[in-house]
Protein backbone atom coordinates (compact mmCIF):
# COMPACT_ATOMS: atom_id res chain seq x y z
CA MET A 1 4.09 -22.20 21.17
CA GLU A 2 4.09 -25.28 18.93
CA ASN A 3 0.28 -25.29 18.92
CA LEU A 4 0.16 -21.71 17.70
CA LEU A 5 2.43 -22.50 14.76
CA LYS A 6 0.34 -25.37 13.39
CA ASN A 7 -2.19 -23.27 11.47
CA GLN A 8 -1.75 -20.07 9.55
CA ILE A 9 -4.28 -17.35 10.23
CA ASP A 10 -7.10 -16.44 7.86
CA TYR A 11 -6.47 -12.81 6.88
CA ASP A 12 -10.14 -12.23 6.07
CA ASN A 13 -11.12 -13.09 9.66
CA LEU A 14 -8.83 -10.46 11.18
CA GLY A 15 -10.17 -7.13 12.43
CA ALA A 16 -9.17 -3.87 10.72
CA LYS A 17 -6.27 -3.05 13.07
CA GLU A 18 -5.09 -6.66 12.98
CA GLN A 19 -5.08 -6.57 9.17
CA GLU A 20 -3.09 -3.33 9.22
CA ALA A 21 -0.52 -4.87 11.57
CA TYR A 22 -0.35 -7.98 9.37
CA ASN A 23 0.12 -5.84 6.23
CA TYR A 24 2.83 -3.77 7.90
CA THR A 25 4.72 -6.92 8.86
CA LYS A 26 4.55 -8.34 5.33
CA VAL A 27 5.65 -5.07 3.72
CA ALA A 28 8.48 -4.53 6.22
CA SER A 29 9.71 -8.08 5.63
CA VAL A 30 9.88 -7.64 1.85
CA LEU A 31 11.45 -4.18 2.04
CA ALA A 32 14.09 -5.52 4.46
CA ASP A 33 15.37 -7.68 1.58
CA TYR A 34 16.09 -4.43 -0.30
CA GLY A 35 17.93 -2.72 2.54
CA PHE A 36 15.06 -0.85 4.17
CA HIS A 37 14.33 -0.58 7.87
CA CYS A 38 10.64 0.15 8.48
CA MET A 39 9.06 1.92 11.41
CA TYR A 40 5.35 1.70 12.10
CA ASN A 41 3.73 5.09 12.62
CA HIS A 42 1.14 4.74 15.39
CA VAL A 43 -0.04 8.33 14.84
CA ASP A 44 -0.92 8.17 11.15
CA ARG A 45 -3.40 11.03 11.03
CA HIS A 46 -1.49 12.64 8.16
CA GLY A 47 -1.37 9.56 5.95
CA ALA A 48 1.90 7.72 6.58
CA ASP A 49 1.34 4.32 8.19
CA LEU A 50 5.03 3.52 8.01
CA ILE A 51 8.35 5.12 7.25
CA ALA A 52 10.93 3.12 5.28
CA ILE A 53 14.58 4.18 5.58
CA HIS A 54 17.24 2.72 3.32
CA THR A 55 20.12 1.51 5.48
CA GLN A 56 22.88 2.44 3.02
CA SER A 57 21.65 5.66 1.40
CA GLY A 58 19.59 7.06 4.27
CA SER A 59 16.74 7.87 1.86
CA SER A 60 13.34 7.66 3.47
CA PHE A 61 9.83 7.14 2.16
CA SER A 62 6.43 7.59 3.76
CA LEU A 63 4.05 4.78 2.91
CA GLN A 64 0.30 4.39 3.31
CA LEU A 65 -0.86 0.78 3.69
CA LYS A 66 -3.86 -0.24 1.59
CA GLY A 67 -4.58 -3.91 2.23
CA SER A 68 -5.19 -5.57 -1.10
CA ARG A 69 -6.24 -2.84 -3.50
CA PRO A 70 -4.72 0.16 -5.24
CA THR A 71 -6.27 3.37 -3.93
CA ILE A 72 -5.99 7.12 -4.39
CA ALA A 73 -7.46 9.83 -2.17
CA LYS A 74 -7.54 13.60 -2.43
CA LYS A 75 -6.59 13.85 1.25
CA TYR A 76 -3.17 12.35 0.38
CA ILE A 77 -2.34 14.77 -2.46
CA GLY A 78 0.86 16.72 -1.86
CA LYS A 79 1.95 14.61 1.14
CA LYS A 80 4.76 12.80 -0.70
CA LEU A 81 3.20 9.41 0.05
CA TRP A 82 3.74 6.08 -1.58
CA ILE A 83 0.80 3.68 -1.56
CA VAL A 84 1.61 0.05 -0.80
CA TYR A 85 -0.77 -2.88 -1.06
CA THR A 86 -0.58 -6.64 -1.42
CA ASP A 87 -1.60 -8.26 -4.69
CA ARG A 88 -2.75 -11.60 -3.31
CA ALA A 89 -3.18 -13.14 -6.79
CA SER A 90 0.48 -12.61 -7.72
CA ASN A 91 1.83 -12.77 -4.13
CA GLU A 92 3.56 -9.39 -4.48
CA ILE A 93 3.63 -6.14 -2.61
CA CYS A 94 2.96 -3.22 -4.94
CA LEU A 95 4.15 0.35 -4.42
CA TYR A 96 3.46 3.52 -6.33
CA ASP A 97 3.88 7.25 -5.90
CA HIS A 98 0.42 8.51 -4.95
CA ASP A 99 0.64 11.90 -6.67
CA LYS A 100 1.90 10.38 -9.93
CA ALA A 101 -1.01 7.93 -9.77
CA VAL A 102 -3.48 10.78 -9.28
CA SER A 103 -2.09 12.59 -12.35
CA LEU A 104 -2.49 9.45 -14.46
CA PHE A 105 -5.94 8.72 -13.05
CA GLU A 106 -7.27 12.23 -13.64
CA ALA A 107 -6.53 11.84 -17.35
CA THR A 108 -9.08 8.98 -17.53
CA ASP A 109 -12.88 8.89 -17.67
CA ARG A 110 -12.94 7.36 -14.17
CA ALA A 111 -11.99 10.73 -12.71
CA MET A 112 -15.56 11.83 -13.39
CA THR A 113 -17.09 9.20 -11.10
CA GLU A 114 -18.93 10.23 -7.94
CA SER A 115 -16.38 8.25 -5.93
CA TRP A 116 -13.53 10.53 -7.05
CA ALA A 117 -15.23 13.79 -8.03
CA GLY A 118 -17.67 13.80 -5.11
CA ASN A 119 -16.09 11.73 -2.35
CA GLY A 120 -12.42 12.36 -3.12
CA GLN A 121 -11.29 8.75 -3.22
CA TYR A 122 -11.12 5.87 -5.63
CA SER A 123 -10.04 2.26 -5.25
CA PHE A 124 -9.73 -0.49 -7.78
CA SER A 125 -10.91 -4.06 -7.56
CA PRO A 126 -8.27 -6.31 -5.97
CA THR A 127 -8.85 -8.84 -8.77
CA LYS A 128 -8.10 -6.44 -11.63
CA ARG A 129 -4.81 -4.64 -12.13
CA PRO A 130 -5.44 -0.96 -12.86
CA SER A 131 -3.54 -0.61 -16.12
CA VAL A 132 -3.40 3.15 -15.62
CA PHE A 133 -0.94 2.63 -12.72
CA GLU A 134 1.06 -0.32 -14.07
CA GLU A 135 3.78 1.85 -15.58
CA ILE A 136 4.56 3.41 -12.16
CA THR A 137 3.92 0.37 -9.95
CA ILE A 138 6.89 -1.40 -8.39
CA ARG A 139 6.14 -5.07 -7.76
CA LEU A 140 8.18 -7.06 -5.23
CA LYS A 141 7.66 -10.78 -4.69
CA ILE A 142 6.71 -11.98 -1.20
CA LYS A 143 8.97 -14.90 -0.35
């Protein structure tokens, strides 16, 4: 065990499912500090990778994990999803209401891109904060 705890892993060298498990663990850890219990959804065909339930209020939220970049997708519209990703530059997890983000995004010129108009999805560079979402993004520090 001691040998395994000598070196931290390199996120970029993990496979896709390993990265998703890593992201889930980070998000669940941060949300636990705010009174949420998270459950990983192994059958996420409909968008929710995890469900977060507040331990005191009982309120629940469905979240879609998105690694390190803000993303919107037409397939998520109307599913009451929150998008959560890790901003590695600021060491924060970032959450936003997907449908609110789509409304803001569609009021911009970027909504005319082939990525959104043709393919039904759009993601932003992980190195640039999408100012269009900043007003609705909740940022929580990773300790």
